[in-house]
Amino acid sequence: MADNINYRQLLDKQFAQLQQLETIIDEERLTLQKNSPDALAKVTEQKNMLLLDIQTLDQQFSQSLAFSEQKANGELDEVLKAIEQALLRCKEKNQVNGHIIQQSQMAVERLKTTLLQQNDKSSVTYDSKGKTSGGLSSLGIKA
């Protein structure tokens, strides 16, 4: 019975970690929207540390035969379902943040292209991926 309490407590801890991760992902979204690189670095560091903690706990569960038996017997179904739902919410919110990052990168790329074109319209060249870069004048070479 002591094992049941320990695993239940560990699962409760993991659920709390996922709730904290969800909050951090929300903070990350707000930080991305505010375009604050320093704040984003701090939030990203917190997120990475928490993800490592979650991963460590997952490894502990995966290596335990007693946990697997309790899970198979349905003793931990309620908390496992709550964990699964929290994890799904985190994944969805993380995908939204990924989309925001992609949109930001595209905007930066458009701005870069515009600036290069305004700098010297005759010196703009394209690389193998179709992205613009400065021509020979950006290397200090004049034709």
Protein backbone atom coordinates (compact mmCIF):
# COMPACT_ATOMS: atom_id res chain seq x y z
CA MET A 1 0.00 0.00 0.00
CA ALA A 2 2.96 2.32 0.62
CA ASP A 3 3.92 1.99 -3.07
CA ASN A 4 0.44 3.15 -4.08
CA ILE A 5 0.78 6.28 -1.96
CA ASN A 6 4.28 6.99 -3.31
CA TYR A 7 3.22 6.66 -6.93
CA ARG A 8 0.09 8.67 -6.34
CA GLN A 9 2.20 11.40 -4.73
CA LEU A 10 4.67 11.32 -7.61
CA LEU A 11 1.84 11.53 -10.13
CA ASP A 12 0.35 14.45 -8.21
CA LYS A 13 3.78 16.10 -8.37
CA GLN A 14 3.94 15.53 -12.12
CA PHE A 15 0.43 16.94 -12.55
CA ALA A 16 1.51 20.05 -10.63
CA GLN A 17 4.59 20.32 -12.86
CA LEU A 18 2.40 20.18 -15.96
CA GLN A 19 0.14 22.88 -14.56
CA GLN A 20 3.23 25.00 -13.94
CA LEU A 21 4.41 24.25 -17.49
CA GLU A 22 1.07 25.40 -18.84
CA THR A 23 1.47 28.69 -16.97
CA ILE A 24 5.01 29.13 -18.32
CA ILE A 25 3.82 28.44 -21.88
CA ASP A 26 1.16 31.13 -21.41
CA GLU A 27 3.87 33.53 -20.19
CA GLU A 28 5.98 32.57 -23.20
CA ARG A 29 3.12 33.46 -25.57
CA LEU A 30 2.68 36.87 -23.94
CA THR A 31 6.43 37.47 -24.08
CA LEU A 32 6.52 36.53 -27.76
CA GLN A 33 3.69 38.93 -28.47
CA LYS A 34 5.51 41.74 -26.65
CA ASN A 35 8.75 41.04 -28.57
CA SER A 36 10.84 41.04 -25.41
CA PRO A 37 14.00 38.95 -26.05
CA ASP A 38 15.40 39.24 -22.50
CA ALA A 39 12.14 38.13 -20.90
CA LEU A 40 11.82 35.36 -23.49
CA ALA A 41 15.25 34.01 -22.57
CA LYS A 42 14.24 33.80 -18.90
CA VAL A 43 10.93 32.11 -19.67
CA THR A 44 12.63 29.66 -22.02
CA GLU A 45 15.17 28.77 -19.35
CA GLN A 46 12.38 28.12 -16.81
CA LYS A 47 10.52 26.03 -19.37
CA ASN A 48 13.58 23.93 -20.19
CA MET A 49 14.37 23.28 -16.52
CA LEU A 50 10.79 22.21 -15.84
CA LEU A 51 10.77 19.94 -18.89
CA LEU A 52 13.93 18.25 -17.61
CA ASP A 53 12.26 17.70 -14.22
CA ILE A 54 9.20 16.20 -15.92
CA GLN A 55 11.40 13.96 -18.06
CA THR A 56 13.31 12.73 -15.00
CA LEU A 57 10.07 11.79 -13.27
CA ASP A 58 8.84 10.05 -16.42
CA GLN A 59 12.00 7.94 -16.50
CA GLN A 60 11.42 6.99 -12.88
CA PHE A 61 7.91 5.78 -13.77
CA SER A 62 9.05 3.89 -16.86
CA GLN A 63 11.64 1.94 -14.86
CA SER A 64 9.22 0.82 -12.15
CA LEU A 65 7.52 -2.54 -12.43
CA ALA A 66 5.26 -1.73 -9.45
CA PHE A 67 4.05 1.44 -11.19
CA SER A 68 3.32 -0.53 -14.37
CA GLU A 69 1.32 -3.06 -12.38
CA GLN A 70 -0.70 -0.36 -10.60
CA LYS A 71 -1.34 1.36 -13.91
CA ALA A 72 -2.47 -1.91 -15.51
CA ASN A 73 -4.79 -2.59 -12.57
CA GLY A 74 -6.44 0.81 -13.06
CA GLU A 75 -5.43 2.10 -9.63
CA LEU A 76 -4.06 5.35 -11.04
CA ASP A 77 -6.52 5.99 -13.87
CA GLU A 78 -7.98 9.20 -12.48
CA VAL A 79 -4.71 11.05 -11.99
CA LEU A 80 -3.27 9.66 -15.23
CA LYS A 81 -6.27 11.03 -17.14
CA ALA A 82 -5.79 14.47 -15.55
CA ILE A 83 -2.09 14.35 -16.49
CA GLU A 84 -2.93 13.39 -20.06
CA GLN A 85 -5.38 16.28 -20.39
CA ALA A 86 -2.85 18.76 -18.97
CA LEU A 87 -0.22 17.44 -21.36
CA LEU A 88 -2.55 17.89 -24.33
CA ARG A 89 -3.26 21.48 -23.30
CA CYS A 90 0.47 22.16 -23.03
CA LYS A 91 1.10 20.68 -26.48
CA GLU A 92 -1.66 22.77 -28.06
CA LYS A 93 -0.41 25.97 -26.44
CA ASN A 94 3.15 25.14 -27.42
CA GLN A 95 2.05 24.71 -31.04
CA VAL A 96 0.45 28.16 -30.93
CA ASN A 97 3.74 29.59 -29.63
CA GLY A 98 5.59 27.80 -32.43
CA HIS A 99 3.25 29.42 -34.94
CA ILE A 100 3.91 32.85 -33.42
CA ILE A 101 7.65 32.23 -33.72
CA GLN A 102 7.30 31.19 -37.37
CA GLN A 103 5.28 34.31 -38.14
CA SER A 104 7.89 36.47 -36.41
CA GLN A 105 10.70 34.86 -38.38
CA MET A 106 8.83 35.46 -41.64
CA ALA A 107 8.30 39.11 -40.70
CA VAL A 108 12.00 39.53 -39.92
CA GLU A 109 12.89 37.90 -43.23
CA ARG A 110 10.55 40.28 -45.10
CA LEU A 111 12.05 43.27 -43.29
CA LYS A 112 15.56 42.07 -44.10
CA THR A 113 14.63 41.71 -47.77
CA THR A 114 13.08 45.17 -47.85
CA LEU A 115 16.12 46.73 -46.20
CA LEU A 116 18.50 44.99 -48.58
CA GLN A 117 16.47 46.11 -51.57
CA GLN A 118 16.36 49.69 -50.33
CA ASN A 119 20.08 49.67 -49.58
CA ASP A 120 21.17 48.92 -53.10
CA LYS A 121 18.60 47.57 -55.50
CA SER A 122 21.20 46.55 -58.07
CA SER A 123 23.24 44.47 -55.63
CA VAL A 124 20.52 42.17 -54.28
CA THR A 125 21.13 38.51 -55.11
CA TYR A 126 19.37 35.30 -54.21
CA ASP A 127 20.81 32.21 -52.61
CA SER A 128 19.95 28.58 -53.47
CA LYS A 129 16.91 28.71 -51.18
CA GLY A 130 15.52 31.84 -52.81
CA LYS A 131 16.40 34.10 -49.91
CA THR A 132 17.84 37.49 -50.68
CA SER A 133 21.28 38.65 -49.66
CA GLY A 134 23.45 41.62 -50.46
CA GLY A 135 25.42 41.44 -53.65
CA LEU A 136 29.12 42.04 -54.13
CA SER A 137 28.90 45.47 -52.56
CA SER A 138 28.11 43.87 -49.19
CA LEU A 139 31.53 42.15 -49.42
CA GLY A 140 33.30 45.40 -50.17
CA ILE A 141 33.89 44.41 -53.79
CA LYS A 142 33.00 46.82 -56.55
CA ALA A 143 32.50 45.66 -60.09
